[in-house]
Amino acid sequence: LKAEKNYSWMEPKLLARLLKTYGTRTQHILQNCSSKSDLGIEFGHGLFQRQVDYLIREEWALEVKDILCRRTRLG
């Protein structure tokens, strides 16, 4: 897969979850990332600052519950 090649630094399980959740929009979340540290703070269960920032900016997530339960289904 192209995504596996482009993001070879990422754990396959995390990449698979992002692709399943966001599809081609994953590239917007991971834009300019070249290592796991570029994802920012890890909040747990594979949820990183980069994803939270994307959800706030692009999907208008306003609360923790919105991010965990409605957007990522990690809650």
PDB file of N, CA and C in Angstrom:
ATOM      1  N   LEU A   1       0.816  -1.189   0.000  1.00  0.00           N
ATOM      2  CA  LEU A   1       0.000   0.000   0.000  1.00  0.00           C
ATOM      3  C   LEU A   1       0.862   1.256   0.000  1.00  0.00           C
ATOM      4  N   LYS A   2       0.357   2.282  -0.617  1.00  0.00           N
ATOM      5  CA  LYS A   2       1.073   3.552  -0.672  1.00  0.00           C
ATOM      6  C   LYS A   2       1.228   4.154   0.719  1.00  0.00           C
ATOM      7  N   ALA A   3       0.195   4.054   1.523  1.00  0.00           N
ATOM      8  CA  ALA A   3       0.248   4.624   2.880  1.00  0.00           C
ATOM      9  C   ALA A   3       1.330   3.944   3.710  1.00  0.00           C
ATOM     10  N   GLU A   4       1.445   2.638   3.611  1.00  0.00           N
ATOM     11  CA  GLU A   4       2.478   1.921   4.357  1.00  0.00           C
ATOM     12  C   GLU A   4       3.868   2.365   3.941  1.00  0.00           C
ATOM     13  N   LYS A   5       4.043   2.678   2.670  1.00  0.00           N
ATOM     14  CA  LYS A   5       5.329   3.162   2.175  1.00  0.00           C
ATOM     15  C   LYS A   5       5.585   4.596   2.660  1.00  0.00           C
ATOM     16  N   ASN A   6       4.572   5.443   2.549  1.00  0.00           N
ATOM     17  CA  ASN A   6       4.720   6.852   2.950  1.00  0.00           C
ATOM     18  C   ASN A   6       4.914   7.022   4.450  1.00  0.00           C
ATOM     19  N   TYR A   7       4.329   6.131   5.227  1.00  0.00           N
ATOM     20  CA  TYR A   7       4.385   6.247   6.683  1.00  0.00           C
ATOM     21  C   TYR A   7       5.020   5.001   7.301  1.00  0.00           C
ATOM     22  N   SER A   8       6.110   4.572   6.725  1.00  0.00           N
ATOM     23  CA  SER A   8       6.783   3.353   7.183  1.00  0.00           C
ATOM     24  C   SER A   8       7.288   3.470   8.621  1.00  0.00           C
ATOM     25  N   TRP A   9       7.429   4.654   9.128  1.00  0.00           N
ATOM     26  CA  TRP A   9       7.881   4.894  10.494  1.00  0.00           C
ATOM     27  C   TRP A   9       6.777   4.641  11.524  1.00  0.00           C
ATOM     28  N   MET A  10       5.542   4.551  11.063  1.00  0.00           N
ATOM     29  CA  MET A  10       4.402   4.413  11.967  1.00  0.00           C
ATOM     30  C   MET A  10       4.076   2.945  12.224  1.00  0.00           C
ATOM     31  N   GLU A  11       3.649   2.664  13.445  1.00  0.00           N
ATOM     32  CA  GLU A  11       3.220   1.319  13.796  1.00  0.00           C
ATOM     33  C   GLU A  11       2.045   0.925  12.899  1.00  0.00           C
ATOM     34  N   PRO A  12       2.101  -0.253  12.294  1.00  0.00           N
ATOM     35  CA  PRO A  12       1.036  -0.670  11.364  1.00  0.00           C
ATOM     36  C   PRO A  12      -0.367  -0.632  11.965  1.00  0.00           C
ATOM     37  N   LYS A  13      -0.504  -0.983  13.236  1.00  0.00           N
ATOM     38  CA  LYS A  13      -1.821  -0.988  13.879  1.00  0.00           C
ATOM     39  C   LYS A  13      -2.401   0.428  13.950  1.00  0.00           C
ATOM     40  N   LEU A  14      -1.569   1.400  14.294  1.00  0.00           N
ATOM     41  CA  LEU A  14      -2.015   2.792  14.366  1.00  0.00           C
ATOM     42  C   LEU A  14      -2.381   3.314  12.981  1.00  0.00           C
ATOM     43  N   LEU A  15      -1.543   3.031  12.007  1.00  0.00           N
ATOM     44  CA  LEU A  15      -1.829   3.471  10.637  1.00  0.00           C
ATOM     45  C   LEU A  15      -3.131   2.861  10.135  1.00  0.00           C
ATOM     46  N   ALA A  16      -3.336   1.587  10.402  1.00  0.00           N
ATOM     47  CA  ALA A  16      -4.568   0.919   9.967  1.00  0.00           C
ATOM     48  C   ALA A  16      -5.794   1.572  10.597  1.00  0.00           C
ATOM     49  N   ARG A  17      -5.704   1.929  11.883  1.00  0.00           N
ATOM     50  CA  ARG A  17      -6.840   2.573  12.551  1.00  0.00           C
ATOM     51  C   ARG A  17      -7.128   3.943  11.943  1.00  0.00           C
ATOM     52  N   LEU A  18      -6.074   4.708  11.691  1.00  0.00           N
ATOM     53  CA  LEU A  18      -6.272   6.020  11.083  1.00  0.00           C
ATOM     54  C   LEU A  18      -6.890   5.900   9.694  1.00  0.00           C
ATOM     55  N   LEU A  19      -6.396   4.964   8.910  1.00  0.00           N
ATOM     56  CA  LEU A  19      -6.933   4.776   7.565  1.00  0.00           C
ATOM     57  C   LEU A  19      -8.384   4.317   7.601  1.00  0.00           C
ATOM     58  N   LYS A  20      -8.711   3.453   8.546  1.00  0.00           N
ATOM     59  CA  LYS A  20     -10.091   2.983   8.676  1.00  0.00           C
ATOM     60  C   LYS A  20     -11.013   4.127   9.096  1.00  0.00           C
ATOM     61  N   THR A  21     -10.537   4.978   9.974  1.00  0.00           N
ATOM     62  CA  THR A  21     -11.346   6.074  10.497  1.00  0.00           C
ATOM     63  C   THR A  21     -11.448   7.246   9.523  1.00  0.00           C
ATOM     64  N   TYR A  22     -10.330   7.602   8.870  1.00  0.00           N
ATOM     65  CA  TYR A  22     -10.292   8.824   8.065  1.00  0.00           C
ATOM     66  C   TYR A  22     -10.092   8.610   6.567  1.00  0.00           C
ATOM     67  N   GLY A  23      -9.755   7.412   6.158  1.00  0.00           N
ATOM     68  CA  GLY A  23      -9.536   7.156   4.743  1.00  0.00           C
ATOM     69  C   GLY A  23      -8.451   8.061   4.174  1.00  0.00           C
ATOM     70  N   THR A  24      -8.718   8.668   3.036  1.00  0.00           N
ATOM     71  CA  THR A  24      -7.713   9.515   2.388  1.00  0.00           C
ATOM     72  C   THR A  24      -7.420  10.792   3.164  1.00  0.00           C
ATOM     73  N   ARG A  25      -8.309  11.160   4.099  1.00  0.00           N
ATOM     74  CA  ARG A  25      -8.062  12.349   4.928  1.00  0.00           C
ATOM     75  C   ARG A  25      -6.903  12.133   5.901  1.00  0.00           C
ATOM     76  N   THR A  26      -6.481  10.883   6.058  1.00  0.00           N
ATOM     77  CA  THR A  26      -5.338  10.569   6.919  1.00  0.00           C
ATOM     78  C   THR A  26      -4.121  11.380   6.501  1.00  0.00           C
ATOM     79  N   GLN A  27      -3.966  11.591   5.201  1.00  0.00           N
ATOM     80  CA  GLN A  27      -2.813  12.354   4.716  1.00  0.00           C
ATOM     81  C   GLN A  27      -2.809  13.782   5.258  1.00  0.00           C
ATOM     82  N   HIS A  28      -3.978  14.349   5.530  1.00  0.00           N
ATOM     83  CA  HIS A  28      -4.039  15.700   6.104  1.00  0.00           C
ATOM     84  C   HIS A  28      -3.598  15.694   7.561  1.00  0.00           C
ATOM     85  N   ILE A  29      -3.939  14.643   8.273  1.00  0.00           N
ATOM     86  CA  ILE A  29      -3.531  14.526   9.667  1.00  0.00           C
ATOM     87  C   ILE A  29      -2.020  14.334   9.764  1.00  0.00           C
ATOM     88  N   LEU A  30      -1.477  13.530   8.880  1.00  0.00           N
ATOM     89  CA  LEU A  30      -0.056  13.166   8.946  1.00  0.00           C
ATOM     90  C   LEU A  30       0.852  14.051   8.097  1.00  0.00           C
ATOM     91  N   GLN A  31       0.305  15.084   7.510  1.00  0.00           N
ATOM     92  CA  GLN A  31       1.090  15.986   6.660  1.00  0.00           C
ATOM     93  C   GLN A  31       2.301  16.525   7.425  1.00  0.00           C
ATOM     94  N   ASN A  32       3.447  16.451   6.802  1.00  0.00           N
ATOM     95  CA  ASN A  32       4.726  16.919   7.349  1.00  0.00           C
ATOM     96  C   ASN A  32       5.225  16.108   8.544  1.00  0.00           C
ATOM     97  N   CYS A  33       4.656  14.955   8.797  1.00  0.00           N
ATOM     98  CA  CYS A  33       5.149  14.076   9.862  1.00  0.00           C
ATOM     99  C   CYS A  33       6.143  13.082   9.274  1.00  0.00           C
ATOM    100  N   SER A  34       7.256  12.901   9.955  1.00  0.00           N
ATOM    101  CA  SER A  34       8.245  11.933   9.483  1.00  0.00           C
ATOM    102  C   SER A  34       8.700  10.998  10.594  1.00  0.00           C
ATOM    103  N   SER A  35       8.109  11.152  11.787  1.00  0.00           N
ATOM    104  CA  SER A  35       8.410  10.253  12.898  1.00  0.00           C
ATOM    105  C   SER A  35       7.262  10.311  13.900  1.00  0.00           C
ATOM    106  N   LYS A  36       7.244   9.348  14.786  1.00  0.00           N
ATOM    107  CA  LYS A  36       6.187   9.294  15.789  1.00  0.00           C
ATOM    108  C   LYS A  36       6.181  10.549  16.664  1.00  0.00           C
ATOM    109  N   SER A  37       7.348  11.091  16.910  1.00  0.00           N
ATOM    110  CA  SER A  37       7.417  12.289  17.754  1.00  0.00           C
ATOM    111  C   SER A  37       6.699  13.484  17.115  1.00  0.00           C
ATOM    112  N   ASP A  38       6.574  13.483  15.789  1.00  0.00           N
ATOM    113  CA  ASP A  38       5.849  14.556  15.099  1.00  0.00           C
ATOM    114  C   ASP A  38       4.343  14.523  15.374  1.00  0.00           C
ATOM    115  N   LEU A  39       3.851  13.424  15.935  1.00  0.00           N
ATOM    116  CA  LEU A  39       2.431  13.300  16.243  1.00  0.00           C
ATOM    117  C   LEU A  39       2.055  14.029  17.529  1.00  0.00           C
ATOM    118  N   GLY A  40       3.052  14.434  18.297  1.00  0.00           N
ATOM    119  CA  GLY A  40       2.805  15.164  19.534  1.00  0.00           C
ATOM    120  C   GLY A  40       2.496  14.259  20.702  1.00  0.00           C
ATOM    121  N   ILE A  41       1.813  14.812  21.668  1.00  0.00           N
ATOM    122  CA  ILE A  41       1.492  14.094  22.899  1.00  0.00           C
ATOM    123  C   ILE A  41       0.597  12.902  22.594  1.00  0.00           C
ATOM    124  N   GLU A  42       0.916  11.763  23.213  1.00  0.00           N
ATOM    125  CA  GLU A  42       0.022  10.614  23.110  1.00  0.00           C
ATOM    126  C   GLU A  42      -0.875  10.618  24.342  1.00  0.00           C
ATOM    127  N   PHE A  43      -2.177  10.662  24.114  1.00  0.00           N
ATOM    128  CA  PHE A  43      -3.143  10.710  25.200  1.00  0.00           C
ATOM    129  C   PHE A  43      -3.553   9.312  25.663  1.00  0.00           C
ATOM    130  N   GLY A  44      -3.171   8.296  24.909  1.00  0.00           N
ATOM    131  CA  GLY A  44      -3.513   6.915  25.237  1.00  0.00           C
ATOM    132  C   GLY A  44      -4.289   6.263  24.120  1.00  0.00           C
ATOM    133  N   HIS A  45      -4.163   4.950  24.015  1.00  0.00           N
ATOM    134  CA  HIS A  45      -4.889   4.143  23.027  1.00  0.00           C
ATOM    135  C   HIS A  45      -4.657   4.611  21.589  1.00  0.00           C
ATOM    136  N   GLY A  46      -3.483   5.169  21.321  1.00  0.00           N
ATOM    137  CA  GLY A  46      -3.164   5.600  19.965  1.00  0.00           C
ATOM    138  C   GLY A  46      -3.765   6.928  19.548  1.00  0.00           C
ATOM    139  N   LEU A  47      -4.230   7.712  20.511  1.00  0.00           N
ATOM    140  CA  LEU A  47      -4.763   9.041  20.210  1.00  0.00           C
ATOM    141  C   LEU A  47      -3.664  10.063  20.477  1.00  0.00           C
ATOM    142  N   PHE A  48      -3.283  10.792  19.422  1.00  0.00           N
ATOM    143  CA  PHE A  48      -2.189  11.749  19.499  1.00  0.00           C
ATOM    144  C   PHE A  48      -2.681  13.175  19.290  1.00  0.00           C
ATOM    145  N   GLN A  49      -1.879  14.107  19.741  1.00  0.00           N
ATOM    146  CA  GLN A  49      -2.197  15.533  19.624  1.00  0.00           C
ATOM    147  C   GLN A  49      -2.508  15.919  18.181  1.00  0.00           C
ATOM    148  N   ARG A  50      -1.772  15.371  17.259  1.00  0.00           N
ATOM    149  CA  ARG A  50      -1.973  15.707  15.842  1.00  0.00           C
ATOM    150  C   ARG A  50      -3.400  15.398  15.390  1.00  0.00           C
ATOM    151  N   GLN A  51      -3.914  14.251  15.830  1.00  0.00           N
ATOM    152  CA  GLN A  51      -5.280  13.859  15.480  1.00  0.00           C
ATOM    153  C   GLN A  51      -6.292  14.767  16.171  1.00  0.00           C
ATOM    154  N   VAL A  52      -6.083  15.074  17.422  1.00  0.00           N
ATOM    155  CA  VAL A  52      -6.984  15.959  18.160  1.00  0.00           C
ATOM    156  C   VAL A  52      -7.026  17.335  17.502  1.00  0.00           C
ATOM    157  N   ASP A  53      -5.866  17.857  17.145  1.00  0.00           N
ATOM    158  CA  ASP A  53      -5.817  19.163  16.473  1.00  0.00           C
ATOM    159  C   ASP A  53      -6.619  19.139  15.176  1.00  0.00           C
ATOM    160  N   TYR A  54      -6.482  18.057  14.421  1.00  0.00           N
ATOM    161  CA  TYR A  54      -7.226  17.914  13.171  1.00  0.00           C
ATOM    162  C   TYR A  54      -8.734  17.912  13.445  1.00  0.00           C
ATOM    163  N   LEU A  55      -9.150  17.152  14.453  1.00  0.00           N
ATOM    164  CA  LEU A  55     -10.575  17.057  14.760  1.00  0.00           C
ATOM    165  C   LEU A  55     -11.152  18.400  15.192  1.00  0.00           C
ATOM    166  N   ILE A  56     -10.401  19.156  15.937  1.00  0.00           N
ATOM    167  CA  ILE A  56     -10.860  20.485  16.359  1.00  0.00           C
ATOM    168  C   ILE A  56     -10.920  21.435  15.170  1.00  0.00           C
ATOM    169  N   ARG A  57      -9.887  21.405  14.345  1.00  0.00           N
ATOM    170  CA  ARG A  57      -9.782  22.329  13.220  1.00  0.00           C
ATOM    171  C   ARG A  57     -10.750  21.985  12.084  1.00  0.00           C
ATOM    172  N   GLU A  58     -10.836  20.719  11.714  1.00  0.00           N
ATOM    173  CA  GLU A  58     -11.579  20.331  10.515  1.00  0.00           C
ATOM    174  C   GLU A  58     -12.974  19.763  10.778  1.00  0.00           C
ATOM    175  N   GLU A  59     -13.167  19.165  11.944  1.00  0.00           N
ATOM    176  CA  GLU A  59     -14.462  18.540  12.227  1.00  0.00           C
ATOM    177  C   GLU A  59     -15.188  19.223  13.374  1.00  0.00           C
ATOM    178  N   TRP A  60     -14.663  20.333  13.822  1.00  0.00           N
ATOM    179  CA  TRP A  60     -15.288  21.184  14.825  1.00  0.00           C
ATOM    180  C   TRP A  60     -15.601  20.460  16.130  1.00  0.00           C
ATOM    181  N   ALA A  61     -14.746  19.532  16.496  1.00  0.00           N
ATOM    182  CA  ALA A  61     -14.906  18.855  17.780  1.00  0.00           C
ATOM    183  C   ALA A  61     -14.677  19.884  18.887  1.00  0.00           C
ATOM    184  N   LEU A  62     -15.551  19.883  19.885  1.00  0.00           N
ATOM    185  CA  LEU A  62     -15.482  20.903  20.926  1.00  0.00           C
ATOM    186  C   LEU A  62     -15.164  20.346  22.310  1.00  0.00           C
ATOM    187  N   GLU A  63     -15.520  19.104  22.571  1.00  0.00           N
ATOM    188  CA  GLU A  63     -15.350  18.528  23.898  1.00  0.00           C
ATOM    189  C   GLU A  63     -14.635  17.191  23.819  1.00  0.00           C
ATOM    190  N   VAL A  64     -14.076  16.783  24.941  1.00  0.00           N
ATOM    191  CA  VAL A  64     -13.387  15.491  25.022  1.00  0.00           C
ATOM    192  C   VAL A  64     -14.336  14.368  24.615  1.00  0.00           C
ATOM    193  N   LYS A  65     -15.558  14.425  25.111  1.00  0.00           N
ATOM    194  CA  LYS A  65     -16.550  13.389  24.784  1.00  0.00           C
ATOM    195  C   LYS A  65     -16.777  13.319  23.272  1.00  0.00           C
ATOM    196  N   ASP A  66     -16.813  14.454  22.627  1.00  0.00           N
ATOM    197  CA  ASP A  66     -17.003  14.501  21.177  1.00  0.00           C
ATOM    198  C   ASP A  66     -15.854  13.792  20.468  1.00  0.00           C
ATOM    199  N   ILE A  67     -14.636  14.037  20.921  1.00  0.00           N
ATOM    200  CA  ILE A  67     -13.471  13.426  20.295  1.00  0.00           C
ATOM    201  C   ILE A  67     -13.434  11.920  20.570  1.00  0.00           C
ATOM    202  N   LEU A  68     -13.586  11.526  21.817  1.00  0.00           N
ATOM    203  CA  LEU A  68     -13.445  10.122  22.189  1.00  0.00           C
ATOM    204  C   LEU A  68     -14.607   9.240  21.753  1.00  0.00           C
ATOM    205  N   CYS A  69     -15.809   9.730  21.836  1.00  0.00           N
ATOM    206  CA  CYS A  69     -16.967   8.889  21.552  1.00  0.00           C
ATOM    207  C   CYS A  69     -17.507   9.028  20.136  1.00  0.00           C
ATOM    208  N   ARG A  70     -17.577  10.224  19.645  1.00  0.00           N
ATOM    209  CA  ARG A  70     -18.198  10.430  18.344  1.00  0.00           C
ATOM    210  C   ARG A  70     -17.215  10.399  17.180  1.00  0.00           C
ATOM    211  N   ARG A  71     -16.047  10.957  17.356  1.00  0.00           N
ATOM    212  CA  ARG A  71     -15.119  11.085  16.231  1.00  0.00           C
ATOM    213  C   ARG A  71     -14.174   9.900  16.090  1.00  0.00           C
ATOM    214  N   THR A  72     -13.592   9.441  17.197  1.00  0.00           N
ATOM    215  CA  THR A  72     -12.588   8.383  17.103  1.00  0.00           C
ATOM    216  C   THR A  72     -13.098   7.027  17.554  1.00  0.00           C
ATOM    217  N   ARG A  73     -14.169   7.001  18.282  1.00  0.00           N
ATOM    218  CA  ARG A  73     -14.741   5.772  18.853  1.00  0.00           C
ATOM    219  C   ARG A  73     -13.766   5.077  19.802  1.00  0.00           C
ATOM    220  N   LEU A  74     -12.909   5.857  20.431  1.00  0.00           N
ATOM    221  CA  LEU A  74     -11.947   5.314  21.387  1.00  0.00           C
ATOM    222  C   LEU A  74     -12.470   5.376  22.825  1.00  0.00           C
ATOM    223  N   GLY A  75     -13.600   6.035  23.035  1.00  0.00           N
ATOM    224  CA  GLY A  75     -14.154   6.226  24.374  1.00  0.00           C
ATOM    225  C   GLY A  75     -14.844   4.998  24.915  1.00  0.00           C
TER     226      GLY A  75
END
